């Protein structure tokens, strides 16, 4: 019985140490590949804010229900360092709009929108903007700046 007890204690100790090692393991770029959506893993008629990440670049798309925000996405490159991600923003995609319209899918602003009447423009930043944010990954959830993002696809579109 004492031997069985020792084996049980060793097994629990080993399992806990493996779990701690897996959680403390440094993230590498391939660990993050996919589309990560804020707040929920469920996709309805449009995406909420998302990070699309691949081996050497990222882009952030704003909540698609927000039709009044002229910025639609931004992106660039990133590097990982232990528990932080350094984002180097190199471009911004925005809507050049000529008027306001009503859009039943833009629910964030009582259906007011600029999307139907605008043109998508990409502005390349002459000096990239850099931000360092805390990051951690637990299963299919990525916490960036303590905000949860859920893996909704391992493929980028």
C-alpha atoms as a PDB file:
ATOM      1  CA  UNK A   1       0.000   0.000   0.000  1.00  0.00           C
ATOM      2  CA  UNK A   2       2.861   2.405   0.823  1.00  0.00           C
ATOM      3  CA  UNK A   3       4.430   1.719  -2.599  1.00  0.00           C
ATOM      4  CA  UNK A   4       1.130   2.455  -4.342  1.00  0.00           C
ATOM      5  CA  UNK A   5       0.867   5.688  -2.349  1.00  0.00           C
ATOM      6  CA  UNK A   6       4.409   6.713  -3.405  1.00  0.00           C
ATOM      7  CA  UNK A   7       3.634   5.962  -7.062  1.00  0.00           C
ATOM      8  CA  UNK A   8       0.453   8.024  -6.830  1.00  0.00           C
ATOM      9  CA  UNK A   9       2.305  10.998  -5.278  1.00  0.00           C
ATOM     10  CA  UNK A  10       5.068  10.775  -7.909  1.00  0.00           C
ATOM     11  CA  UNK A  11       2.470  10.592 -10.702  1.00  0.00           C
ATOM     12  CA  UNK A  12       0.624  13.652  -9.419  1.00  0.00           C
ATOM     13  CA  UNK A  13       3.909  15.528  -9.004  1.00  0.00           C
ATOM     14  CA  UNK A  14       4.958  14.643 -12.552  1.00  0.00           C
ATOM     15  CA  UNK A  15       1.591  15.709 -13.994  1.00  0.00           C
ATOM     16  CA  UNK A  16       1.713  19.040 -12.171  1.00  0.00           C
ATOM     17  CA  UNK A  17       5.284  19.740 -13.270  1.00  0.00           C
ATOM     18  CA  UNK A  18       4.361  18.953 -16.910  1.00  0.00           C
ATOM     19  CA  UNK A  19       1.381  21.275 -16.674  1.00  0.00           C
ATOM     20  CA  UNK A  20       3.484  24.092 -15.206  1.00  0.00           C
ATOM     21  CA  UNK A  21       6.151  23.547 -17.883  1.00  0.00           C
ATOM     22  CA  UNK A  22       3.557  23.662 -20.678  1.00  0.00           C
ATOM     23  CA  UNK A  23       2.055  26.893 -19.356  1.00  0.00           C
ATOM     24  CA  UNK A  24       5.422  28.569 -18.867  1.00  0.00           C
ATOM     25  CA  UNK A  25       6.838  27.477 -22.232  1.00  0.00           C
ATOM     26  CA  UNK A  26       7.706  30.429 -24.408  1.00  0.00           C
ATOM     27  CA  UNK A  27       5.365  31.028 -27.301  1.00  0.00           C
ATOM     28  CA  UNK A  28       6.844  30.698 -30.764  1.00  0.00           C
ATOM     29  CA  UNK A  29       5.415  32.250 -33.923  1.00  0.00           C
ATOM     30  CA  UNK A  30       3.782  29.061 -35.251  1.00  0.00           C
ATOM     31  CA  UNK A  31       1.796  28.681 -31.999  1.00  0.00           C
ATOM     32  CA  UNK A  32      -0.410  31.624 -32.955  1.00  0.00           C
ATOM     33  CA  UNK A  33      -1.340  30.871 -36.582  1.00  0.00           C
ATOM     34  CA  UNK A  34      -5.039  31.426 -37.230  1.00  0.00           C
ATOM     35  CA  UNK A  35      -7.900  33.864 -36.817  1.00  0.00           C
ATOM     36  CA  UNK A  36      -8.601  34.916 -33.233  1.00  0.00           C
ATOM     37  CA  UNK A  37     -11.928  36.634 -32.434  1.00  0.00           C
ATOM     38  CA  UNK A  38     -12.619  38.697 -29.325  1.00  0.00           C
ATOM     39  CA  UNK A  39     -15.241  37.826 -26.687  1.00  0.00           C
ATOM     40  CA  UNK A  40     -16.626  34.576 -28.144  1.00  0.00           C
ATOM     41  CA  UNK A  41     -15.699  31.631 -30.381  1.00  0.00           C
ATOM     42  CA  UNK A  42     -19.116  31.946 -32.070  1.00  0.00           C
ATOM     43  CA  UNK A  43     -19.307  33.757 -35.418  1.00  0.00           C
ATOM     44  CA  UNK A  44     -22.688  35.249 -36.257  1.00  0.00           C
ATOM     45  CA  UNK A  45     -23.500  37.377 -39.315  1.00  0.00           C
ATOM     46  CA  UNK A  46     -20.145  39.197 -39.042  1.00  0.00           C
ATOM     47  CA  UNK A  47     -16.882  38.998 -37.139  1.00  0.00           C
ATOM     48  CA  UNK A  48     -16.202  40.845 -33.934  1.00  0.00           C
ATOM     49  CA  UNK A  49     -12.687  42.287 -33.691  1.00  0.00           C
ATOM     50  CA  UNK A  50     -10.093  39.745 -34.849  1.00  0.00           C
ATOM     51  CA  UNK A  51      -6.371  39.175 -35.022  1.00  0.00           C
ATOM     52  CA  UNK A  52      -5.250  37.156 -38.047  1.00  0.00           C
ATOM     53  CA  UNK A  53      -1.772  35.844 -37.357  1.00  0.00           C
ATOM     54  CA  UNK A  54       0.665  33.814 -39.447  1.00  0.00           C
ATOM     55  CA  UNK A  55       4.343  32.980 -39.086  1.00  0.00           C
ATOM     56  CA  UNK A  56       5.671  36.458 -39.838  1.00  0.00           C
ATOM     57  CA  UNK A  57       2.796  38.944 -39.898  1.00  0.00           C
ATOM     58  CA  UNK A  58      -0.515  39.933 -38.356  1.00  0.00           C
ATOM     59  CA  UNK A  59      -3.489  42.104 -39.060  1.00  0.00           C
ATOM     60  CA  UNK A  60      -6.165  43.352 -36.720  1.00  0.00           C
ATOM     61  CA  UNK A  61      -9.689  43.870 -38.060  1.00  0.00           C
ATOM     62  CA  UNK A  62     -12.195  46.018 -36.210  1.00  0.00           C
ATOM     63  CA  UNK A  63     -15.629  44.806 -35.196  1.00  0.00           C
ATOM     64  CA  UNK A  64     -17.599  44.425 -38.450  1.00  0.00           C
ATOM     65  CA  UNK A  65     -20.777  45.609 -36.744  1.00  0.00           C
ATOM     66  CA  UNK A  66     -19.218  49.081 -36.318  1.00  0.00           C
ATOM     67  CA  UNK A  67     -20.056  50.737 -39.627  1.00  0.00           C
ATOM     68  CA  UNK A  68     -19.074  54.252 -38.516  1.00  0.00           C
ATOM     69  CA  UNK A  69     -15.426  53.472 -37.810  1.00  0.00           C
ATOM     70  CA  UNK A  70     -13.447  54.469 -40.917  1.00  0.00           C
ATOM     71  CA  UNK A  71     -10.495  52.262 -39.870  1.00  0.00           C
ATOM     72  CA  UNK A  72     -11.251  48.707 -40.981  1.00  0.00           C
ATOM     73  CA  UNK A  73      -7.911  47.038 -40.171  1.00  0.00           C
ATOM     74  CA  UNK A  74      -4.218  47.541 -39.586  1.00  0.00           C
ATOM     75  CA  UNK A  75      -1.270  45.218 -39.691  1.00  0.00           C
ATOM     76  CA  UNK A  76       2.397  44.543 -40.001  1.00  0.00           C
ATOM     77  CA  UNK A  77       4.925  42.241 -38.401  1.00  0.00           C
ATOM     78  CA  UNK A  78       5.355  40.921 -34.887  1.00  0.00           C
ATOM     79  CA  UNK A  79       7.880  39.277 -32.605  1.00  0.00           C
ATOM     80  CA  UNK A  80       7.368  37.247 -29.458  1.00  0.00           C
ATOM     81  CA  UNK A  81       9.431  37.625 -26.316  1.00  0.00           C
ATOM     82  CA  UNK A  82       8.454  35.324 -23.432  1.00  0.00           C
ATOM     83  CA  UNK A  83       5.143  36.765 -22.230  1.00  0.00           C
ATOM     84  CA  UNK A  84       4.857  39.750 -24.583  1.00  0.00           C
ATOM     85  CA  UNK A  85       4.167  40.401 -28.248  1.00  0.00           C
ATOM     86  CA  UNK A  86       5.737  43.343 -30.084  1.00  0.00           C
ATOM     87  CA  UNK A  87       3.448  44.606 -32.834  1.00  0.00           C
ATOM     88  CA  UNK A  88       5.029  46.703 -35.583  1.00  0.00           C
ATOM     89  CA  UNK A  89       2.150  48.403 -37.403  1.00  0.00           C
ATOM     90  CA  UNK A  90       3.110  49.197 -40.996  1.00  0.00           C
ATOM     91  CA  UNK A  91      -0.220  49.954 -42.660  1.00  0.00           C
ATOM     92  CA  UNK A  92      -3.790  51.029 -41.938  1.00  0.00           C
ATOM     93  CA  UNK A  93      -6.790  50.193 -44.135  1.00  0.00           C
ATOM     94  CA  UNK A  94      -9.567  52.727 -43.921  1.00  0.00           C
ATOM     95  CA  UNK A  95     -12.753  53.732 -45.647  1.00  0.00           C
ATOM     96  CA  UNK A  96     -12.735  56.996 -47.543  1.00  0.00           C
ATOM     97  CA  UNK A  97     -16.361  57.937 -47.234  1.00  0.00           C
ATOM     98  CA  UNK A  98     -18.606  60.416 -48.932  1.00  0.00           C
ATOM     99  CA  UNK A  99     -21.709  60.107 -46.800  1.00  0.00           C
ATOM    100  CA  UNK A 100     -23.677  58.368 -44.127  1.00  0.00           C
ATOM    101  CA  UNK A 101     -26.140  55.587 -44.845  1.00  0.00           C
ATOM    102  CA  UNK A 102     -28.351  53.110 -43.002  1.00  0.00           C
ATOM    103  CA  UNK A 103     -27.148  49.506 -42.888  1.00  0.00           C
ATOM    104  CA  UNK A 104     -29.113  46.786 -41.108  1.00  0.00           C
ATOM    105  CA  UNK A 105     -25.894  44.866 -40.352  1.00  0.00           C
ATOM    106  CA  UNK A 106     -24.111  47.781 -38.648  1.00  0.00           C
ATOM    107  CA  UNK A 107     -25.796  47.239 -35.320  1.00  0.00           C
ATOM    108  CA  UNK A 108     -23.103  48.858 -33.169  1.00  0.00           C
ATOM    109  CA  UNK A 109     -24.326  52.363 -34.060  1.00  0.00           C
ATOM    110  CA  UNK A 110     -28.079  52.024 -34.443  1.00  0.00           C
ATOM    111  CA  UNK A 111     -27.592  50.960 -38.096  1.00  0.00           C
ATOM    112  CA  UNK A 112     -25.686  54.108 -39.101  1.00  0.00           C
ATOM    113  CA  UNK A 113     -22.802  53.378 -41.447  1.00  0.00           C
ATOM    114  CA  UNK A 114     -20.287  54.757 -43.933  1.00  0.00           C
ATOM    115  CA  UNK A 115     -19.393  51.371 -45.407  1.00  0.00           C
ATOM    116  CA  UNK A 116     -21.752  51.196 -48.371  1.00  0.00           C
ATOM    117  CA  UNK A 117     -20.619  54.516 -49.781  1.00  0.00           C
ATOM    118  CA  UNK A 118     -16.880  54.349 -49.127  1.00  0.00           C
ATOM    119  CA  UNK A 119     -13.726  53.210 -50.898  1.00  0.00           C
ATOM    120  CA  UNK A 120     -11.116  51.076 -49.130  1.00  0.00           C
ATOM    121  CA  UNK A 121      -7.720  52.817 -48.989  1.00  0.00           C
ATOM    122  CA  UNK A 122      -4.440  51.405 -47.650  1.00  0.00           C
ATOM    123  CA  UNK A 123      -2.176  53.921 -45.941  1.00  0.00           C
ATOM    124  CA  UNK A 124       1.435  52.754 -45.573  1.00  0.00           C
ATOM    125  CA  UNK A 125       3.024  54.315 -42.507  1.00  0.00           C
ATOM    126  CA  UNK A 126       6.328  56.066 -43.228  1.00  0.00           C
ATOM    127  CA  UNK A 127       7.408  55.310 -39.665  1.00  0.00           C
ATOM    128  CA  UNK A 128       5.931  52.060 -38.304  1.00  0.00           C
ATOM    129  CA  UNK A 129       4.287  52.292 -34.908  1.00  0.00           C
ATOM    130  CA  UNK A 130       5.427  49.749 -32.305  1.00  0.00           C
ATOM    131  CA  UNK A 131       3.483  48.455 -29.315  1.00  0.00           C
ATOM    132  CA  UNK A 132       4.472  45.829 -26.736  1.00  0.00           C
ATOM    133  CA  UNK A 133       1.521  43.982 -25.193  1.00  0.00           C
ATOM    134  CA  UNK A 134       1.328  41.159 -22.656  1.00  0.00           C
ATOM    135  CA  UNK A 135       0.292  37.824 -24.190  1.00  0.00           C
ATOM    136  CA  UNK A 136      -0.478  34.311 -23.033  1.00  0.00           C
ATOM    137  CA  UNK A 137      -2.130  31.309 -24.637  1.00  0.00           C
ATOM    138  CA  UNK A 138      -4.301  28.739 -22.930  1.00  0.00           C
ATOM    139  CA  UNK A 139      -5.698  26.007 -25.195  1.00  0.00           C
ATOM    140  CA  UNK A 140      -7.752  27.779 -27.913  1.00  0.00           C
ATOM    141  CA  UNK A 141      -7.788  31.139 -26.128  1.00  0.00           C
ATOM    142  CA  UNK A 142      -5.213  33.854 -26.657  1.00  0.00           C
ATOM    143  CA  UNK A 143      -5.040  36.678 -24.105  1.00  0.00           C
ATOM    144  CA  UNK A 144      -3.628  39.874 -25.584  1.00  0.00           C
ATOM    145  CA  UNK A 145      -3.460  42.730 -23.102  1.00  0.00           C
ATOM    146  CA  UNK A 146      -5.661  40.525 -20.839  1.00  0.00           C
ATOM    147  CA  UNK A 147      -8.470  40.478 -23.435  1.00  0.00           C
ATOM    148  CA  UNK A 148      -9.542  36.981 -24.525  1.00  0.00           C
ATOM    149  CA  UNK A 149      -9.454  36.102 -28.231  1.00  0.00           C
ATOM    150  CA  UNK A 150     -10.776  32.703 -29.338  1.00  0.00           C
ATOM    151  CA  UNK A 151      -9.388  30.626 -32.191  1.00  0.00           C
ATOM    152  CA  UNK A 152     -12.141  30.490 -34.801  1.00  0.00           C
ATOM    153  CA  UNK A 153     -10.074  29.237 -37.746  1.00  0.00           C
ATOM    154  CA  UNK A 154      -6.568  27.946 -38.306  1.00  0.00           C
ATOM    155  CA  UNK A 155      -6.759  29.190 -41.910  1.00  0.00           C
ATOM    156  CA  UNK A 156      -6.186  32.799 -42.908  1.00  0.00           C
ATOM    157  CA  UNK A 157      -8.427  34.429 -45.507  1.00  0.00           C
END
